[in-house]
Amino acid sequence: MNIVEYNRVAWNFQSQEGCRWSTPFDDSVFEAAKAGSLDLVLTPNKQVPTEWIGDLVGKDVLGLASGGGQQVPQFAAAGARVTSFDASDVQLEKDVDTAARHGLEVRAVQGDM
């Protein structure tokens, strides 16, 4: 069994089915990030403390297995240069499409961590 391909196919399926981690955030989240207000959630029930993040303007950020149109475009909206690295091509498409819809650019790289 090719575990990388298995994982890619599984996440593509989850993404197409609209699971929680594969549904792009509402436009208001990205507009708030552009205005300096980040509301990052990386686990099901906890928000990331804002003091952990700091000023992202001009910083390089690598999103590992974080495709889906959520955190990656949010980091870009906050001014970071973001690369999204994910096994799922569908998840990466959601990052790129969501960012583009907001006039943002993200780099998407498909691969295995």
PDB file of N, CA and C in Angstrom:
ATOM      1  N   MET A   1       0.844  -1.186   0.000  1.00  0.00           N
ATOM      2  CA  MET A   1       0.000   0.000   0.000  1.00  0.00           C
ATOM      3  C   MET A   1       0.886   1.245   0.000  1.00  0.00           C
ATOM      4  N   ASN A   2       0.552   2.190  -0.862  1.00  0.00           N
ATOM      5  CA  ASN A   2       1.239   3.478  -0.905  1.00  0.00           C
ATOM      6  C   ASN A   2       0.514   4.421   0.049  1.00  0.00           C
ATOM      7  N   ILE A   3       1.072   4.622   1.228  1.00  0.00           N
ATOM      8  CA  ILE A   3       0.397   5.394   2.269  1.00  0.00           C
ATOM      9  C   ILE A   3       0.230   6.860   1.878  1.00  0.00           C
ATOM     10  N   VAL A   4       1.169   7.415   1.114  1.00  0.00           N
ATOM     11  CA  VAL A   4       1.057   8.807   0.683  1.00  0.00           C
ATOM     12  C   VAL A   4      -0.144   8.973  -0.246  1.00  0.00           C
ATOM     13  N   GLU A   5      -0.290   8.075  -1.191  1.00  0.00           N
ATOM     14  CA  GLU A   5      -1.426   8.135  -2.119  1.00  0.00           C
ATOM     15  C   GLU A   5      -2.734   7.876  -1.381  1.00  0.00           C
ATOM     16  N   TYR A   6      -2.721   6.935  -0.450  1.00  0.00           N
ATOM     17  CA  TYR A   6      -3.908   6.650   0.358  1.00  0.00           C
ATOM     18  C   TYR A   6      -4.348   7.908   1.112  1.00  0.00           C
ATOM     19  N   ASN A   7      -3.400   8.583   1.723  1.00  0.00           N
ATOM     20  CA  ASN A   7      -3.688   9.804   2.476  1.00  0.00           C
ATOM     21  C   ASN A   7      -4.210  10.914   1.560  1.00  0.00           C
ATOM     22  N   ARG A   8      -3.595  11.075   0.396  1.00  0.00           N
ATOM     23  CA  ARG A   8      -4.036  12.096  -0.561  1.00  0.00           C
ATOM     24  C   ARG A   8      -5.481  11.850  -0.979  1.00  0.00           C
ATOM     25  N   VAL A   9      -5.776  10.626  -1.341  1.00  0.00           N
ATOM     26  CA  VAL A   9      -7.132  10.280  -1.772  1.00  0.00           C
ATOM     27  C   VAL A   9      -8.131  10.472  -0.622  1.00  0.00           C
ATOM     28  N   ALA A  10      -7.755  10.071   0.578  1.00  0.00           N
ATOM     29  CA  ALA A  10      -8.650  10.211   1.730  1.00  0.00           C
ATOM     30  C   ALA A  10      -8.954  11.677   2.008  1.00  0.00           C
ATOM     31  N   TRP A  11      -7.926  12.542   1.970  1.00  0.00           N
ATOM     32  CA  TRP A  11      -8.164  13.962   2.220  1.00  0.00           C
ATOM     33  C   TRP A  11      -8.888  14.633   1.062  1.00  0.00           C
ATOM     34  N   ASN A  12      -8.642  14.193  -0.148  1.00  0.00           N
ATOM     35  CA  ASN A  12      -9.412  14.723  -1.276  1.00  0.00           C
ATOM     36  C   ASN A  12     -10.896  14.411  -1.073  1.00  0.00           C
ATOM     37  N   PHE A  13     -11.189  13.193  -0.635  1.00  0.00           N
ATOM     38  CA  PHE A  13     -12.576  12.806  -0.372  1.00  0.00           C
ATOM     39  C   PHE A  13     -13.170  13.666   0.742  1.00  0.00           C
ATOM     40  N   GLN A  14     -12.442  13.802   1.868  1.00  0.00           N
ATOM     41  CA  GLN A  14     -12.924  14.620   2.979  1.00  0.00           C
ATOM     42  C   GLN A  14     -13.185  16.057   2.522  1.00  0.00           C
ATOM     43  N   SER A  15     -12.287  16.569   1.710  1.00  0.00           N
ATOM     44  CA  SER A  15     -12.412  17.942   1.229  1.00  0.00           C
ATOM     45  C   SER A  15     -13.637  18.103   0.333  1.00  0.00           C
ATOM     46  N   GLN A  16     -13.838  17.168  -0.552  1.00  0.00           N
ATOM     47  CA  GLN A  16     -14.987  17.231  -1.453  1.00  0.00           C
ATOM     48  C   GLN A  16     -16.303  17.037  -0.702  1.00  0.00           C
ATOM     49  N   GLU A  17     -16.266  16.318   0.418  1.00  0.00           N
ATOM     50  CA  GLU A  17     -17.462  16.104   1.231  1.00  0.00           C
ATOM     51  C   GLU A  17     -17.741  17.281   2.160  1.00  0.00           C
ATOM     52  N   GLY A  18     -16.770  18.192   2.284  1.00  0.00           N
ATOM     53  CA  GLY A  18     -16.979  19.388   3.088  1.00  0.00           C
ATOM     54  C   GLY A  18     -16.780  19.211   4.579  1.00  0.00           C
ATOM     55  N   CYS A  19     -15.799  18.407   4.974  1.00  0.00           N
ATOM     56  CA  CYS A  19     -15.547  18.239   6.399  1.00  0.00           C
ATOM     57  C   CYS A  19     -15.115  19.577   7.024  1.00  0.00           C
ATOM     58  N   ARG A  20     -15.147  19.636   8.326  1.00  0.00           N
ATOM     59  CA  ARG A  20     -14.860  20.880   9.059  1.00  0.00           C
ATOM     60  C   ARG A  20     -13.534  21.513   8.645  1.00  0.00           C
ATOM     61  N   TRP A  21     -12.514  20.715   8.426  1.00  0.00           N
ATOM     62  CA  TRP A  21     -11.183  21.243   8.122  1.00  0.00           C
ATOM     63  C   TRP A  21     -10.990  21.472   6.623  1.00  0.00           C
ATOM     64  N   SER A  22     -12.039  21.328   5.864  1.00  0.00           N
ATOM     65  CA  SER A  22     -11.949  21.458   4.405  1.00  0.00           C
ATOM     66  C   SER A  22     -12.952  22.436   3.828  1.00  0.00           C
ATOM     67  N   THR A  23     -13.569  23.212   4.682  1.00  0.00           N
ATOM     68  CA  THR A  23     -14.546  24.195   4.235  1.00  0.00           C
ATOM     69  C   THR A  23     -13.957  25.579   4.429  1.00  0.00           C
ATOM     70  N   PRO A  24     -13.729  26.307   3.335  1.00  0.00           N
ATOM     71  CA  PRO A  24     -13.141  27.640   3.473  1.00  0.00           C
ATOM     72  C   PRO A  24     -13.946  28.520   4.435  1.00  0.00           C
ATOM     73  N   PHE A  25     -13.208  29.321   5.177  1.00  0.00           N
ATOM     74  CA  PHE A  25     -13.844  30.241   6.107  1.00  0.00           C
ATOM     75  C   PHE A  25     -14.676  31.279   5.368  1.00  0.00           C
ATOM     76  N   ASP A  26     -15.593  31.885   6.089  1.00  0.00           N
ATOM     77  CA  ASP A  26     -16.415  32.979   5.595  1.00  0.00           C
ATOM     78  C   ASP A  26     -15.529  34.175   5.246  1.00  0.00           C
ATOM     79  N   ASP A  27     -15.947  34.945   4.259  1.00  0.00           N
ATOM     80  CA  ASP A  27     -15.176  36.112   3.808  1.00  0.00           C
ATOM     81  C   ASP A  27     -14.832  37.067   4.943  1.00  0.00           C
ATOM     82  N   SER A  28     -15.694  37.185   5.922  1.00  0.00           N
ATOM     83  CA  SER A  28     -15.462  38.125   7.018  1.00  0.00           C
ATOM     84  C   SER A  28     -14.197  37.793   7.810  1.00  0.00           C
ATOM     85  N   VAL A  29     -13.819  36.528   7.863  1.00  0.00           N
ATOM     86  CA  VAL A  29     -12.615  36.114   8.585  1.00  0.00           C
ATOM     87  C   VAL A  29     -11.373  36.708   7.914  1.00  0.00           C
ATOM     88  N   PHE A  30     -11.351  36.704   6.594  1.00  0.00           N
ATOM     89  CA  PHE A  30     -10.187  37.214   5.869  1.00  0.00           C
ATOM     90  C   PHE A  30     -10.146  38.737   5.897  1.00  0.00           C
ATOM     91  N   GLU A  31     -11.307  39.347   5.847  1.00  0.00           N
ATOM     92  CA  GLU A  31     -11.365  40.812   5.953  1.00  0.00           C
ATOM     93  C   GLU A  31     -10.888  41.255   7.334  1.00  0.00           C
ATOM     94  N   ALA A  32     -11.254  40.511   8.373  1.00  0.00           N
ATOM     95  CA  ALA A  32     -10.794  40.828   9.728  1.00  0.00           C
ATOM     96  C   ALA A  32      -9.282  40.666   9.829  1.00  0.00           C
ATOM     97  N   ALA A  33      -8.736  39.621   9.200  1.00  0.00           N
ATOM     98  CA  ALA A  33      -7.282  39.403   9.227  1.00  0.00           C
ATOM     99  C   ALA A  33      -6.551  40.541   8.519  1.00  0.00           C
ATOM    100  N   LYS A  34      -7.113  41.026   7.411  1.00  0.00           N
ATOM    101  CA  LYS A  34      -6.514  42.172   6.724  1.00  0.00           C
ATOM    102  C   LYS A  34      -6.477  43.396   7.634  1.00  0.00           C
ATOM    103  N   ALA A  35      -7.468  43.494   8.514  1.00  0.00           N
ATOM    104  CA  ALA A  35      -7.556  44.632   9.441  1.00  0.00           C
ATOM    105  C   ALA A  35      -6.761  44.392  10.725  1.00  0.00           C
ATOM    106  N   GLY A  36      -6.072  43.252  10.807  1.00  0.00           N
ATOM    107  CA  GLY A  36      -5.217  42.991  11.953  1.00  0.00           C
ATOM    108  C   GLY A  36      -5.816  42.113  13.033  1.00  0.00           C
ATOM    109  N   SER A  37      -6.969  41.521  12.779  1.00  0.00           N
ATOM    110  CA  SER A  37      -7.619  40.679  13.784  1.00  0.00           C
ATOM    111  C   SER A  37      -7.631  39.226  13.325  1.00  0.00           C
ATOM    112  N   LEU A  38      -6.769  38.419  13.937  1.00  0.00           N
ATOM    113  CA  LEU A  38      -6.716  36.998  13.594  1.00  0.00           C
ATOM    114  C   LEU A  38      -7.490  36.186  14.615  1.00  0.00           C
ATOM    115  N   ASP A  39      -8.285  35.262  14.121  1.00  0.00           N
ATOM    116  CA  ASP A  39      -9.049  34.358  14.965  1.00  0.00           C
ATOM    117  C   ASP A  39      -8.698  32.952  14.507  1.00  0.00           C
ATOM    118  N   LEU A  40      -7.525  32.471  14.929  1.00  0.00           N
ATOM    119  CA  LEU A  40      -7.022  31.186  14.463  1.00  0.00           C
ATOM    120  C   LEU A  40      -7.464  30.049  15.369  1.00  0.00           C
ATOM    121  N   VAL A  41      -7.991  29.011  14.742  1.00  0.00           N
ATOM    122  CA  VAL A  41      -8.361  27.801  15.446  1.00  0.00           C
ATOM    123  C   VAL A  41      -7.673  26.645  14.731  1.00  0.00           C
ATOM    124  N   LEU A  42      -6.804  25.949  15.457  1.00  0.00           N
ATOM    125  CA  LEU A  42      -6.078  24.834  14.861  1.00  0.00           C
ATOM    126  C   LEU A  42      -6.451  23.494  15.472  1.00  0.00           C
ATOM    127  N   THR A  43      -7.226  23.534  16.531  1.00  0.00           N
ATOM    128  CA  THR A  43      -7.751  22.315  17.135  1.00  0.00           C
ATOM    129  C   THR A  43      -9.265  22.487  17.222  1.00  0.00           C
ATOM    130  N   PRO A  44      -9.984  21.412  17.396  1.00  0.00           N
ATOM    131  CA  PRO A  44     -11.442  21.546  17.370  1.00  0.00           C
ATOM    132  C   PRO A  44     -12.048  22.532  18.359  1.00  0.00           C
ATOM    133  N   ASN A  45     -11.416  22.745  19.496  1.00  0.00           N
ATOM    134  CA  ASN A  45     -12.095  23.525  20.517  1.00  0.00           C
ATOM    135  C   ASN A  45     -11.279  24.661  21.127  1.00  0.00           C
ATOM    136  N   LYS A  46     -10.111  24.965  20.598  1.00  0.00           N
ATOM    137  CA  LYS A  46      -9.282  25.999  21.208  1.00  0.00           C
ATOM    138  C   LYS A  46      -8.795  27.004  20.179  1.00  0.00           C
ATOM    139  N   GLN A  47      -8.900  28.256  20.542  1.00  0.00           N
ATOM    140  CA  GLN A  47      -8.351  29.324  19.706  1.00  0.00           C
ATOM    141  C   GLN A  47      -6.877  29.489  20.049  1.00  0.00           C
ATOM    142  N   VAL A  48      -6.065  29.788  19.049  1.00  0.00           N
ATOM    143  CA  VAL A  48      -4.643  30.038  19.266  1.00  0.00           C
ATOM    144  C   VAL A  48      -4.508  31.399  19.938  1.00  0.00           C
ATOM    145  N   PRO A  49      -3.799  31.483  21.060  1.00  0.00           N
ATOM    146  CA  PRO A  49      -3.607  32.786  21.710  1.00  0.00           C
ATOM    147  C   PRO A  49      -2.911  33.769  20.764  1.00  0.00           C
ATOM    148  N   THR A  50      -3.428  34.974  20.660  1.00  0.00           N
ATOM    149  CA  THR A  50      -2.879  35.957  19.716  1.00  0.00           C
ATOM    150  C   THR A  50      -1.425  36.275  20.010  1.00  0.00           C
ATOM    151  N   GLU A  51      -0.999  36.194  21.266  1.00  0.00           N
ATOM    152  CA  GLU A  51       0.403  36.506  21.587  1.00  0.00           C
ATOM    153  C   GLU A  51       1.370  35.458  21.029  1.00  0.00           C
ATOM    154  N   TRP A  52       0.879  34.299  20.652  1.00  0.00           N
ATOM    155  CA  TRP A  52       1.731  33.294  20.023  1.00  0.00           C
ATOM    156  C   TRP A  52       2.071  33.650  18.588  1.00  0.00           C
ATOM    157  N   ILE A  53       1.301  34.522  17.981  1.00  0.00           N
ATOM    158  CA  ILE A  53       1.423  34.785  16.551  1.00  0.00           C
ATOM    159  C   ILE A  53       2.301  36.002  16.263  1.00  0.00           C
ATOM    160  N   GLY A  54       2.021  37.101  16.886  1.00  0.00           N
ATOM    161  CA  GLY A  54       2.794  38.316  16.637  1.00  0.00           C
ATOM    162  C   GLY A  54       2.451  38.943  15.301  1.00  0.00           C
ATOM    163  N   ASP A  55       3.278  39.869  14.893  1.00  0.00           N
ATOM    164  CA  ASP A  55       3.082  40.586  13.632  1.00  0.00           C
ATOM    165  C   ASP A  55       3.535  39.704  12.474  1.00  0.00           C
ATOM    166  N   LEU A  56       2.659  39.439  11.544  1.00  0.00           N
ATOM    167  CA  LEU A  56       2.972  38.563  10.416  1.00  0.00           C
ATOM    168  C   LEU A  56       3.381  39.305   9.155  1.00  0.00           C
ATOM    169  N   VAL A  57       3.284  40.604   9.143  1.00  0.00           N
ATOM    170  CA  VAL A  57       3.577  41.372   7.928  1.00  0.00           C
ATOM    171  C   VAL A  57       5.013  41.104   7.470  1.00  0.00           C
ATOM    172  N   GLY A  58       5.114  40.596   6.236  1.00  0.00           N
ATOM    173  CA  GLY A  58       6.419  40.333   5.640  1.00  0.00           C
ATOM    174  C   GLY A  58       7.111  39.074   6.118  1.00  0.00           C
ATOM    175  N   LYS A  59       6.484  38.317   6.989  1.00  0.00           N
ATOM    176  CA  LYS A  59       7.093  37.088   7.517  1.00  0.00           C
ATOM    177  C   LYS A  59       6.785  35.919   6.593  1.00  0.00           C
ATOM    178  N   ASP A  60       7.683  34.950   6.572  1.00  0.00           N
ATOM    179  CA  ASP A  60       7.465  33.704   5.837  1.00  0.00           C
ATOM    180  C   ASP A  60       6.763  32.721   6.762  1.00  0.00           C
ATOM    181  N   VAL A  61       5.669  32.140   6.279  1.00  0.00           N
ATOM    182  CA  VAL A  61       4.899  31.171   7.065  1.00  0.00           C
ATOM    183  C   VAL A  61       4.719  29.911   6.224  1.00  0.00           C
ATOM    184  N   LEU A  62       4.969  28.772   6.844  1.00  0.00           N
ATOM    185  CA  LEU A  62       4.780  27.481   6.199  1.00  0.00           C
ATOM    186  C   LEU A  62       3.606  26.778   6.866  1.00  0.00           C
ATOM    187  N   GLY A  63       2.577  26.493   6.089  1.00  0.00           N
ATOM    188  CA  GLY A  63       1.423  25.761   6.588  1.00  0.00           C
ATOM    189  C   GLY A  63       1.567  24.300   6.227  1.00  0.00           C
ATOM    190  N   LEU A  64       1.794  23.460   7.222  1.00  0.00           N
ATOM    191  CA  LEU A  64       1.973  22.029   6.986  1.00  0.00           C
ATOM    192  C   LEU A  64       0.642  21.308   7.169  1.00  0.00           C
ATOM    193  N   ALA A  65       0.212  20.615   6.124  1.00  0.00           N
ATOM    194  CA  ALA A  65      -1.054  19.871   6.148  1.00  0.00           C
ATOM    195  C   ALA A  65      -2.187  20.775   6.602  1.00  0.00           C
ATOM    196  N   SER A  66      -2.205  21.991   6.074  1.00  0.00           N
ATOM    197  CA  SER A  66      -3.214  22.960   6.514  1.00  0.00           C
ATOM    198  C   SER A  66      -4.021  23.520   5.352  1.00  0.00           C
ATOM    199  N   GLY A  67      -4.105  22.773   4.262  1.00  0.00           N
ATOM    200  CA  GLY A  67      -4.928  23.216   3.149  1.00  0.00           C
ATOM    201  C   GLY A  67      -6.395  23.221   3.517  1.00  0.00           C
ATOM    202  N   GLY A  68      -7.190  23.823   2.669  1.00  0.00           N
ATOM    203  CA  GLY A  68      -8.634  23.813   2.891  1.00  0.00           C
ATOM    204  C   GLY A  68      -9.280  25.183   2.884  1.00  0.00           C
ATOM    205  N   GLY A  69      -8.484  26.245   2.640  1.00  0.00           N
ATOM    206  CA  GLY A  69      -9.073  27.581   2.554  1.00  0.00           C
ATOM    207  C   GLY A  69      -9.351  28.211   3.905  1.00  0.00           C
ATOM    208  N   GLN A  70      -8.551  27.853   4.890  1.00  0.00           N
ATOM    209  CA  GLN A  70      -8.778  28.381   6.228  1.00  0.00           C
ATOM    210  C   GLN A  70      -7.571  29.191   6.705  1.00  0.00           C
ATOM    211  N   GLN A  71      -6.646  28.559   7.421  1.00  0.00           N
ATOM    212  CA  GLN A  71      -5.537  29.294   8.036  1.00  0.00           C
ATOM    213  C   GLN A  71      -4.560  29.902   7.033  1.00  0.00           C
ATOM    214  N   VAL A  72      -4.247  29.189   5.962  1.00  0.00           N
ATOM    215  CA  VAL A  72      -3.259  29.694   5.001  1.00  0.00           C
ATOM    216  C   VAL A  72      -3.687  31.038   4.405  1.00  0.00           C
ATOM    217  N   PRO A  73      -4.910  31.161   3.847  1.00  0.00           N
ATOM    218  CA  PRO A  73      -5.305  32.477   3.347  1.00  0.00           C
ATOM    219  C   PRO A  73      -5.443  33.517   4.466  1.00  0.00           C
ATOM    220  N   GLN A  74      -5.751  33.044   5.666  1.00  0.00           N
ATOM    221  CA  GLN A  74      -5.863  33.964   6.801  1.00  0.00           C
ATOM    222  C   GLN A  74      -4.490  34.554   7.132  1.00  0.00           C
ATOM    223  N   PHE A  75      -3.451  33.736   7.127  1.00  0.00           N
ATOM    224  CA  PHE A  75      -2.090  34.242   7.345  1.00  0.00           C
ATOM    225  C   PHE A  75      -1.705  35.220   6.237  1.00  0.00           C
ATOM    226  N   ALA A  76      -2.053  34.893   4.997  1.00  0.00           N
ATOM    227  CA  ALA A  76      -1.752  35.798   3.877  1.00  0.00           C
ATOM    228  C   ALA A  76      -2.482  37.125   4.039  1.00  0.00           C
ATOM    229  N   ALA A  77      -3.721  37.077   4.484  1.00  0.00           N
ATOM    230  CA  ALA A  77      -4.500  38.303   4.698  1.00  0.00           C
ATOM    231  C   ALA A  77      -3.871  39.170   5.786  1.00  0.00           C
ATOM    232  N   ALA A  78      -3.171  38.526   6.720  1.00  0.00           N
ATOM    233  CA  ALA A  78      -2.502  39.262   7.793  1.00  0.00           C
ATOM    234  C   ALA A  78      -1.149  39.809   7.352  1.00  0.00           C
ATOM    235  N   GLY A  79      -0.774  39.540   6.089  1.00  0.00           N
ATOM    236  CA  GLY A  79       0.448  40.134   5.544  1.00  0.00           C
ATOM    237  C   GLY A  79       1.626  39.206   5.401  1.00  0.00           C
ATOM    238  N   ALA A  80       1.459  37.929   5.684  1.00  0.00           N
ATOM    239  CA  ALA A  80       2.565  36.977   5.576  1.00  0.00           C
ATOM    240  C   ALA A  80       2.716  36.467   4.142  1.00  0.00           C
ATOM    241  N   ARG A  81       3.909  36.017   3.836  1.00  0.00           N
ATOM    242  CA  ARG A  81       4.181  35.275   2.599  1.00  0.00           C
ATOM    243  C   ARG A  81       4.029  33.805   2.981  1.00  0.00           C
ATOM    244  N   VAL A  82       2.998  33.146   2.410  1.00  0.00           N
ATOM    245  CA  VAL A  82       2.626  31.825   2.907  1.00  0.00           C
ATOM    246  C   VAL A  82       2.808  30.744   1.850  1.00  0.00           C
ATOM    247  N   THR A  83       3.379  29.634   2.302  1.00  0.00           N
ATOM    248  CA  THR A  83       3.448  28.421   1.502  1.00  0.00           C
ATOM    249  C   THR A  83       2.589  27.377   2.182  1.00  0.00           C
ATOM    250  N   SER A  84       1.681  26.797   1.423  1.00  0.00           N
ATOM    251  CA  SER A  84       0.834  25.717   1.915  1.00  0.00           C
ATOM    252  C   SER A  84       1.400  24.414   1.380  1.00  0.00           C
ATOM    253  N   PHE A  85       1.751  23.503   2.282  1.00  0.00           N
ATOM    254  CA  PHE A  85       2.320  22.206   1.918  1.00  0.00           C
ATOM    255  C   PHE A  85       1.354  21.134   2.394  1.00  0.00           C
ATOM    256  N   ASP A  86       0.790  20.387   1.448  1.00  0.00           N
ATOM    257  CA  ASP A  86      -0.254  19.424   1.788  1.00  0.00           C
ATOM    258  C   ASP A  86      -0.193  18.262   0.800  1.00  0.00           C
ATOM    259  N   ALA A  87      -0.626  17.097   1.227  1.00  0.00           N
ATOM    260  CA  ALA A  87      -0.693  15.930   0.339  1.00  0.00           C
ATOM    261  C   ALA A  87      -1.877  16.016  -0.612  1.00  0.00           C
ATOM    262  N   SER A  88      -2.914  16.743  -0.210  1.00  0.00           N
ATOM    263  CA  SER A  88      -4.159  16.786  -0.970  1.00  0.00           C
ATOM    264  C   SER A  88      -4.176  17.932  -1.975  1.00  0.00           C
ATOM    265  N   ASP A  89      -4.288  17.579  -3.237  1.00  0.00           N
ATOM    266  CA  ASP A  89      -4.391  18.604  -4.269  1.00  0.00           C
ATOM    267  C   ASP A  89      -5.687  19.390  -4.145  1.00  0.00           C
ATOM    268  N   VAL A  90      -6.754  18.756  -3.693  1.00  0.00           N
ATOM    269  CA  VAL A  90      -8.033  19.454  -3.522  1.00  0.00           C
ATOM    270  C   VAL A  90      -7.928  20.472  -2.388  1.00  0.00           C
ATOM    271  N   GLN A  91      -7.285  20.101  -1.302  1.00  0.00           N
ATOM    272  CA  GLN A  91      -7.088  21.027  -0.190  1.00  0.00           C
ATOM    273  C   GLN A  91      -6.237  22.226  -0.627  1.00  0.00           C
ATOM    274  N   LEU A  92      -5.200  21.971  -1.378  1.00  0.00           N
ATOM    275  CA  LEU A  92      -4.343  23.056  -1.867  1.00  0.00           C
ATOM    276  C   LEU A  92      -5.112  23.998  -2.788  1.00  0.00           C
ATOM    277  N   GLU A  93      -5.947  23.432  -3.650  1.00  0.00           N
ATOM    278  CA  GLU A  93      -6.772  24.266  -4.540  1.00  0.00           C
ATOM    279  C   GLU A  93      -7.653  25.212  -3.732  1.00  0.00           C
ATOM    280  N   LYS A  94      -8.182  24.726  -2.633  1.00  0.00           N
ATOM    281  CA  LYS A  94      -9.036  25.571  -1.793  1.00  0.00           C
ATOM    282  C   LYS A  94      -8.243  26.728  -1.194  1.00  0.00           C
ATOM    283  N   ASP A  95      -6.996  26.480  -0.801  1.00  0.00           N
ATOM    284  CA  ASP A  95      -6.161  27.578  -0.300  1.00  0.00           C
ATOM    285  C   ASP A  95      -5.919  28.622  -1.384  1.00  0.00           C
ATOM    286  N   VAL A  96      -5.520  28.163  -2.556  1.00  0.00           N
ATOM    287  CA  VAL A  96      -5.207  29.077  -3.662  1.00  0.00           C
ATOM    288  C   VAL A  96      -6.455  29.841  -4.098  1.00  0.00           C
ATOM    289  N   ASP A  97      -7.562  29.149  -4.267  1.00  0.00           N
ATOM    290  CA  ASP A  97      -8.800  29.792  -4.717  1.00  0.00           C
ATOM    291  C   ASP A  97      -9.332  30.794  -3.692  1.00  0.00           C
ATOM    292  N   THR A  98      -9.288  30.418  -2.420  1.00  0.00           N
ATOM    293  CA  THR A  98      -9.774  31.310  -1.372  1.00  0.00           C
ATOM    294  C   THR A  98      -8.896  32.557  -1.291  1.00  0.00           C
ATOM    295  N   ALA A  99      -7.591  32.369  -1.341  1.00  0.00           N
ATOM    296  CA  ALA A  99      -6.674  33.513  -1.305  1.00  0.00           C
ATOM    297  C   ALA A  99      -6.921  34.430  -2.509  1.00  0.00           C
ATOM    298  N   ALA A 100      -7.028  33.853  -3.686  1.00  0.00           N
ATOM    299  CA  ALA A 100      -7.232  34.652  -4.901  1.00  0.00           C
ATOM    300  C   ALA A 100      -8.527  35.448  -4.838  1.00  0.00           C
ATOM    301  N   ARG A 101      -9.566  34.864  -4.275  1.00  0.00           N
ATOM    302  CA  ARG A 101     -10.856  35.553  -4.149  1.00  0.00           C
ATOM    303  C   ARG A 101     -10.733  36.823  -3.303  1.00  0.00           C
ATOM    304  N   HIS A 102      -9.711  36.861  -2.462  1.00  0.00           N
ATOM    305  CA  HIS A 102      -9.492  38.022  -1.589  1.00  0.00           C
ATOM    306  C   HIS A 102      -8.304  38.868  -2.027  1.00  0.00           C
ATOM    307  N   GLY A 103      -7.839  38.632  -3.258  1.00  0.00           N
ATOM    308  CA  GLY A 103      -6.722  39.409  -3.782  1.00  0.00           C
ATOM    309  C   GLY A 103      -5.398  39.068  -3.120  1.00  0.00           C
ATOM    310  N   LEU A 104      -5.278  37.850  -2.622  1.00  0.00           N
ATOM    311  CA  LEU A 104      -4.076  37.405  -1.927  1.00  0.00           C
ATOM    312  C   LEU A 104      -3.380  36.330  -2.738  1.00  0.00           C
ATOM    313  N   GLU A 105      -2.119  36.131  -2.426  1.00  0.00           N
ATOM    314  CA  GLU A 105      -1.365  35.094  -3.112  1.00  0.00           C
ATOM    315  C   GLU A 105      -0.769  34.147  -2.084  1.00  0.00           C
ATOM    316  N   VAL A 106      -0.884  32.867  -2.350  1.00  0.00           N
ATOM    317  CA  VAL A 106      -0.222  31.853  -1.543  1.00  0.00           C
ATOM    318  C   VAL A 106       0.469  30.879  -2.489  1.00  0.00           C
ATOM    319  N   ARG A 107       1.532  30.299  -2.021  1.00  0.00           N
ATOM    320  CA  ARG A 107       2.254  29.293  -2.791  1.00  0.00           C
ATOM    321  C   ARG A 107       1.749  27.932  -2.314  1.00  0.00           C
ATOM    322  N   ALA A 108       1.398  27.052  -3.244  1.00  0.00           N
ATOM    323  CA  ALA A 108       0.905  25.721  -2.895  1.00  0.00           C
ATOM    324  C   ALA A 108       1.888  24.674  -3.398  1.00  0.00           C
ATOM    325  N   VAL A 109       2.290  23.791  -2.496  1.00  0.00           N
ATOM    326  CA  VAL A 109       3.219  22.713  -2.825  1.00  0.00           C
ATOM    327  C   VAL A 109       2.617  21.402  -2.344  1.00  0.00           C
ATOM    328  N   GLN A 110       2.468  20.478  -3.290  1.00  0.00           N
ATOM    329  CA  GLN A 110       1.926  19.166  -2.937  1.00  0.00           C
ATOM    330  C   GLN A 110       3.072  18.240  -2.595  1.00  0.00           C
ATOM    331  N   GLY A 111       2.954  17.539  -1.473  1.00  0.00           N
ATOM    332  CA  GLY A 111       4.008  16.613  -1.082  1.00  0.00           C
ATOM    333  C   GLY A 111       3.683  15.877   0.182  1.00  0.00           C
ATOM    334  N   ASP A 112       4.646  15.094   0.617  1.00  0.00           N
ATOM    335  CA  ASP A 112       4.524  14.257   1.798  1.00  0.00           C
ATOM    336  C   ASP A 112       5.537  14.742   2.845  1.00  0.00           C
ATOM    337  N   MET A 113       5.016  14.992   4.035  1.00  0.00           N
ATOM    338  CA  MET A 113       5.913  15.421   5.115  1.00  0.00           C
ATOM    339  C   MET A 113       6.718  14.244   5.625  1.00  0.00           C
TER     340      MET A 113
END
